[in-house]
N, C-alpha and C. Protein backbone atom coordinates (compact mmCIF):
# COMPACT_ATOMS: atom_id res chain seq x y z
N UNK A 1 -150.51 92.02 115.97
CA UNK A 1 -149.81 92.95 116.85
C UNK A 1 -150.23 92.65 118.30
N UNK A 2 -149.28 92.59 119.17
CA UNK A 2 -149.54 92.34 120.59
C UNK A 2 -149.85 93.65 121.31
N UNK A 3 -150.78 93.60 122.30
CA UNK A 3 -151.05 94.81 123.08
C UNK A 3 -149.83 95.17 123.91
N UNK A 4 -149.69 96.43 124.30
CA UNK A 4 -148.54 96.83 125.11
C UNK A 4 -148.54 96.06 126.44
N UNK A 5 -147.35 95.76 126.91
CA UNK A 5 -147.20 95.04 128.17
C UNK A 5 -147.31 96.01 129.34
N UNK A 6 -148.12 95.65 130.29
CA UNK A 6 -148.26 96.44 131.51
C UNK A 6 -147.22 95.95 132.51
N UNK A 7 -146.25 96.79 132.94
CA UNK A 7 -145.19 96.34 133.85
C UNK A 7 -145.73 95.82 135.18
N UNK A 8 -146.82 96.40 135.67
CA UNK A 8 -147.40 95.93 136.93
C UNK A 8 -147.88 94.49 136.78
N UNK A 9 -148.57 94.20 135.67
CA UNK A 9 -149.06 92.84 135.46
C UNK A 9 -147.91 91.86 135.25
N UNK A 10 -146.85 92.30 134.62
CA UNK A 10 -145.68 91.43 134.47
C UNK A 10 -145.12 91.08 135.84
N UNK A 11 -145.05 92.05 136.74
CA UNK A 11 -144.56 91.80 138.09
C UNK A 11 -145.50 90.90 138.87
N UNK A 12 -146.82 91.13 138.75
CA UNK A 12 -147.78 90.34 139.51
C UNK A 12 -147.80 88.90 139.00
N UNK A 13 -147.63 88.71 137.71
CA UNK A 13 -147.57 87.35 137.19
C UNK A 13 -146.31 86.63 137.68
N UNK A 14 -145.20 87.34 137.76
CA UNK A 14 -143.98 86.75 138.30
C UNK A 14 -144.13 86.39 139.77
N UNK A 15 -144.88 87.19 140.49
CA UNK A 15 -145.12 86.95 141.91
C UNK A 15 -145.80 85.60 142.15
N UNK A 16 -146.69 85.22 141.22
CA UNK A 16 -147.46 83.99 141.39
C UNK A 16 -146.89 82.79 140.65
N UNK A 17 -145.77 82.96 139.94
CA UNK A 17 -145.20 81.80 139.25
C UNK A 17 -144.76 80.76 140.28
N UNK A 18 -144.62 79.52 139.81
CA UNK A 18 -144.21 78.45 140.71
C UNK A 18 -142.85 78.78 141.33
N UNK A 19 -142.78 78.73 142.66
CA UNK A 19 -141.56 79.07 143.38
C UNK A 19 -141.35 80.57 143.55
N UNK A 20 -142.33 81.37 143.14
CA UNK A 20 -142.23 82.82 143.22
C UNK A 20 -142.46 83.35 144.63
N UNK A 21 -142.54 84.65 144.72
CA UNK A 21 -142.65 85.33 146.02
C UNK A 21 -143.91 84.93 146.78
N UNK A 22 -145.00 84.61 146.07
CA UNK A 22 -146.22 84.18 146.75
C UNK A 22 -145.93 82.97 147.65
N UNK A 23 -145.24 82.00 147.10
CA UNK A 23 -144.91 80.80 147.87
C UNK A 23 -143.83 81.07 148.90
N UNK A 24 -142.86 81.88 148.54
CA UNK A 24 -141.77 82.19 149.48
C UNK A 24 -142.27 82.96 150.69
N UNK A 25 -143.36 83.72 150.53
CA UNK A 25 -143.95 84.49 151.62
C UNK A 25 -145.11 83.77 152.30
N UNK A 26 -145.20 82.46 152.09
CA UNK A 26 -146.25 81.63 152.71
C UNK A 26 -147.66 82.09 152.35
N UNK A 27 -147.85 82.52 151.12
CA UNK A 27 -149.16 82.99 150.68
C UNK A 27 -150.26 81.96 150.84
N UNK A 28 -149.96 80.70 150.52
CA UNK A 28 -150.98 79.65 150.64
C UNK A 28 -151.45 79.50 152.08
N UNK A 29 -150.51 79.49 153.00
CA UNK A 29 -150.86 79.33 154.41
C UNK A 29 -151.64 80.53 154.92
N UNK A 30 -151.24 81.73 154.50
CA UNK A 30 -151.97 82.94 154.91
C UNK A 30 -153.41 82.90 154.40
N UNK A 31 -153.60 82.47 153.16
CA UNK A 31 -154.93 82.40 152.59
C UNK A 31 -155.79 81.38 153.33
N UNK A 32 -155.22 80.23 153.65
CA UNK A 32 -155.97 79.21 154.40
C UNK A 32 -156.37 79.73 155.77
N UNK A 33 -155.47 80.41 156.45
CA UNK A 33 -155.79 80.98 157.76
C UNK A 33 -156.91 82.02 157.64
N UNK A 34 -156.83 82.87 156.63
CA UNK A 34 -157.87 83.88 156.42
C UNK A 34 -159.22 83.21 156.16
N UNK A 35 -159.24 82.19 155.32
CA UNK A 35 -160.50 81.50 155.00
C UNK A 35 -161.12 80.90 156.26
N UNK A 36 -160.30 80.26 157.08
CA UNK A 36 -160.81 79.67 158.32
C UNK A 36 -161.31 80.76 159.27
N UNK A 37 -160.58 81.85 159.39
CA UNK A 37 -161.00 82.96 160.25
C UNK A 37 -162.32 83.56 159.75
N UNK A 38 -162.40 83.79 158.46
CA UNK A 38 -163.63 84.33 157.86
C UNK A 38 -164.80 83.40 158.14
N UNK A 39 -164.58 82.10 157.98
CA UNK A 39 -165.63 81.12 158.19
C UNK A 39 -166.10 81.10 159.65
N UNK A 40 -165.19 81.31 160.58
CA UNK A 40 -165.55 81.33 162.00
C UNK A 40 -166.22 82.64 162.40
N UNK A 41 -165.96 83.70 161.67
CA UNK A 41 -166.45 85.03 162.02
C UNK A 41 -167.80 85.35 161.38
N UNK A 42 -167.98 84.94 160.14
CA UNK A 42 -169.19 85.27 159.38
C UNK A 42 -170.18 84.11 159.48
N UNK A 43 -171.42 84.43 159.74
CA UNK A 43 -172.47 83.40 159.79
C UNK A 43 -173.35 83.52 158.57
N UNK A 44 -173.44 82.44 157.83
CA UNK A 44 -174.34 82.40 156.68
C UNK A 44 -175.64 81.76 157.15
N UNK A 45 -176.72 82.50 157.06
CA UNK A 45 -178.00 81.99 157.54
C UNK A 45 -178.62 80.99 156.57
N UNK A 46 -178.15 81.00 155.35
CA UNK A 46 -178.66 80.11 154.33
C UNK A 46 -177.46 79.40 153.70
N UNK A 47 -177.55 78.12 153.51
CA UNK A 47 -176.46 77.37 152.90
C UNK A 47 -176.37 77.59 151.39
N UNK A 48 -177.38 78.23 150.82
CA UNK A 48 -177.38 78.49 149.38
C UNK A 48 -177.16 79.98 149.18
N UNK A 49 -175.96 80.35 148.79
CA UNK A 49 -175.60 81.75 148.59
C UNK A 49 -174.51 81.83 147.53
N UNK A 50 -174.16 83.03 147.16
CA UNK A 50 -173.09 83.26 146.19
C UNK A 50 -171.95 83.99 146.88
N UNK A 51 -170.73 83.52 146.66
CA UNK A 51 -169.54 84.14 147.24
C UNK A 51 -168.54 84.41 146.13
N UNK A 52 -168.02 85.62 146.08
CA UNK A 52 -167.02 86.00 145.08
C UNK A 52 -165.72 86.31 145.81
N UNK A 53 -164.68 85.59 145.46
CA UNK A 53 -163.34 85.81 146.01
C UNK A 53 -162.57 86.68 145.03
N UNK A 54 -162.46 87.97 145.33
CA UNK A 54 -161.73 88.91 144.48
C UNK A 54 -160.28 88.96 144.95
N UNK A 55 -159.37 88.72 144.04
CA UNK A 55 -157.96 88.64 144.42
C UNK A 55 -157.67 87.26 144.99
N UNK A 56 -158.15 86.24 144.29
CA UNK A 56 -158.14 84.86 144.81
C UNK A 56 -156.75 84.22 144.87
N UNK A 57 -155.76 84.84 144.24
CA UNK A 57 -154.41 84.26 144.19
C UNK A 57 -154.51 82.86 143.59
N UNK A 58 -154.05 81.84 144.30
CA UNK A 58 -154.05 80.49 143.75
C UNK A 58 -155.31 79.70 144.08
N UNK A 59 -156.29 80.37 144.67
CA UNK A 59 -157.60 79.77 144.84
C UNK A 59 -157.84 78.93 146.08
N UNK A 60 -156.94 78.98 147.06
CA UNK A 60 -157.12 78.15 148.26
C UNK A 60 -158.41 78.49 149.01
N UNK A 61 -158.73 79.77 149.15
CA UNK A 61 -159.94 80.17 149.88
C UNK A 61 -161.19 79.73 149.12
N UNK A 62 -161.20 79.93 147.81
CA UNK A 62 -162.36 79.53 147.01
C UNK A 62 -162.57 78.02 147.11
N UNK A 63 -161.50 77.26 147.07
CA UNK A 63 -161.60 75.80 147.20
C UNK A 63 -162.13 75.42 148.58
N UNK A 64 -161.65 76.10 149.61
CA UNK A 64 -162.11 75.84 150.97
C UNK A 64 -163.62 76.09 151.08
N UNK A 65 -164.08 77.24 150.59
CA UNK A 65 -165.49 77.58 150.70
C UNK A 65 -166.35 76.66 149.83
N UNK A 66 -165.85 76.20 148.71
CA UNK A 66 -166.60 75.26 147.88
C UNK A 66 -166.81 73.94 148.61
N UNK A 67 -165.79 73.49 149.33
CA UNK A 67 -165.92 72.25 150.11
C UNK A 67 -166.81 72.47 151.33
N UNK A 68 -166.63 73.59 152.00
CA UNK A 68 -167.35 73.87 153.25
C UNK A 68 -168.83 74.11 153.01
N UNK A 69 -169.16 74.74 151.88
CA UNK A 69 -170.55 75.07 151.55
C UNK A 69 -170.89 74.51 150.17
N UNK A 70 -171.14 73.22 150.07
CA UNK A 70 -171.36 72.61 148.76
C UNK A 70 -172.58 73.14 148.00
N UNK A 71 -173.54 73.76 148.69
CA UNK A 71 -174.71 74.32 148.01
C UNK A 71 -174.51 75.77 147.57
N UNK A 72 -173.38 76.34 147.92
CA UNK A 72 -173.09 77.73 147.55
C UNK A 72 -172.49 77.78 146.14
N UNK A 73 -172.64 78.92 145.52
CA UNK A 73 -171.97 79.19 144.24
C UNK A 73 -170.75 80.04 144.56
N UNK A 74 -169.58 79.48 144.36
CA UNK A 74 -168.33 80.17 144.68
C UNK A 74 -167.60 80.49 143.39
N UNK A 75 -167.27 81.77 143.21
CA UNK A 75 -166.51 82.22 142.04
C UNK A 75 -165.26 82.93 142.53
N UNK A 76 -164.24 82.95 141.70
CA UNK A 76 -162.97 83.58 142.09
C UNK A 76 -162.36 84.29 140.89
N UNK A 77 -161.66 85.38 141.18
CA UNK A 77 -160.99 86.14 140.12
C UNK A 77 -159.72 86.78 140.66
N UNK A 78 -158.79 87.04 139.79
CA UNK A 78 -157.54 87.70 140.15
C UNK A 78 -157.02 88.43 138.91
N UNK A 79 -156.20 89.46 139.12
CA UNK A 79 -155.64 90.18 137.97
C UNK A 79 -154.45 89.44 137.36
N UNK A 80 -153.95 88.43 138.03
CA UNK A 80 -152.81 87.68 137.53
C UNK A 80 -153.27 86.48 136.71
N UNK A 81 -152.89 86.46 135.44
CA UNK A 81 -153.18 85.30 134.58
C UNK A 81 -152.51 84.04 135.12
N UNK A 82 -151.31 84.20 135.65
CA UNK A 82 -150.57 83.07 136.20
C UNK A 82 -151.31 82.49 137.41
N UNK A 83 -151.79 83.36 138.30
CA UNK A 83 -152.53 82.89 139.47
C UNK A 83 -153.78 82.14 139.05
N UNK A 84 -154.53 82.69 138.12
CA UNK A 84 -155.76 82.03 137.65
C UNK A 84 -155.43 80.68 137.02
N UNK A 85 -154.42 80.64 136.19
CA UNK A 85 -154.03 79.39 135.55
C UNK A 85 -153.64 78.33 136.59
N UNK A 86 -152.85 78.73 137.58
CA UNK A 86 -152.44 77.80 138.62
C UNK A 86 -153.61 77.40 139.49
N UNK A 87 -154.54 78.31 139.74
CA UNK A 87 -155.70 78.00 140.57
C UNK A 87 -156.59 76.95 139.89
N UNK A 88 -156.65 76.99 138.58
CA UNK A 88 -157.48 76.02 137.84
C UNK A 88 -156.89 74.63 137.86
N UNK A 89 -155.60 74.52 138.07
CA UNK A 89 -154.93 73.19 138.05
C UNK A 89 -154.94 72.55 139.40
């Protein structure tokens, strides 16, 4: 038996599908701009730290921070299974 479908999650998964509203609304570019702004605004005194990206969407910010801070532990999560799946690819 399948669990009941949550309409909100169905909508959020559709939002992140390939060619969906996330891409149509320039979500990737917005995330990249936010990551760069965050990086310029926040000072990490130690290169070894943990960062959690909650609501990571397709993972652009997490990927940016992983490259920018190779000694950091970067984790990411989102409520959309589609976003997480696409972020892993």
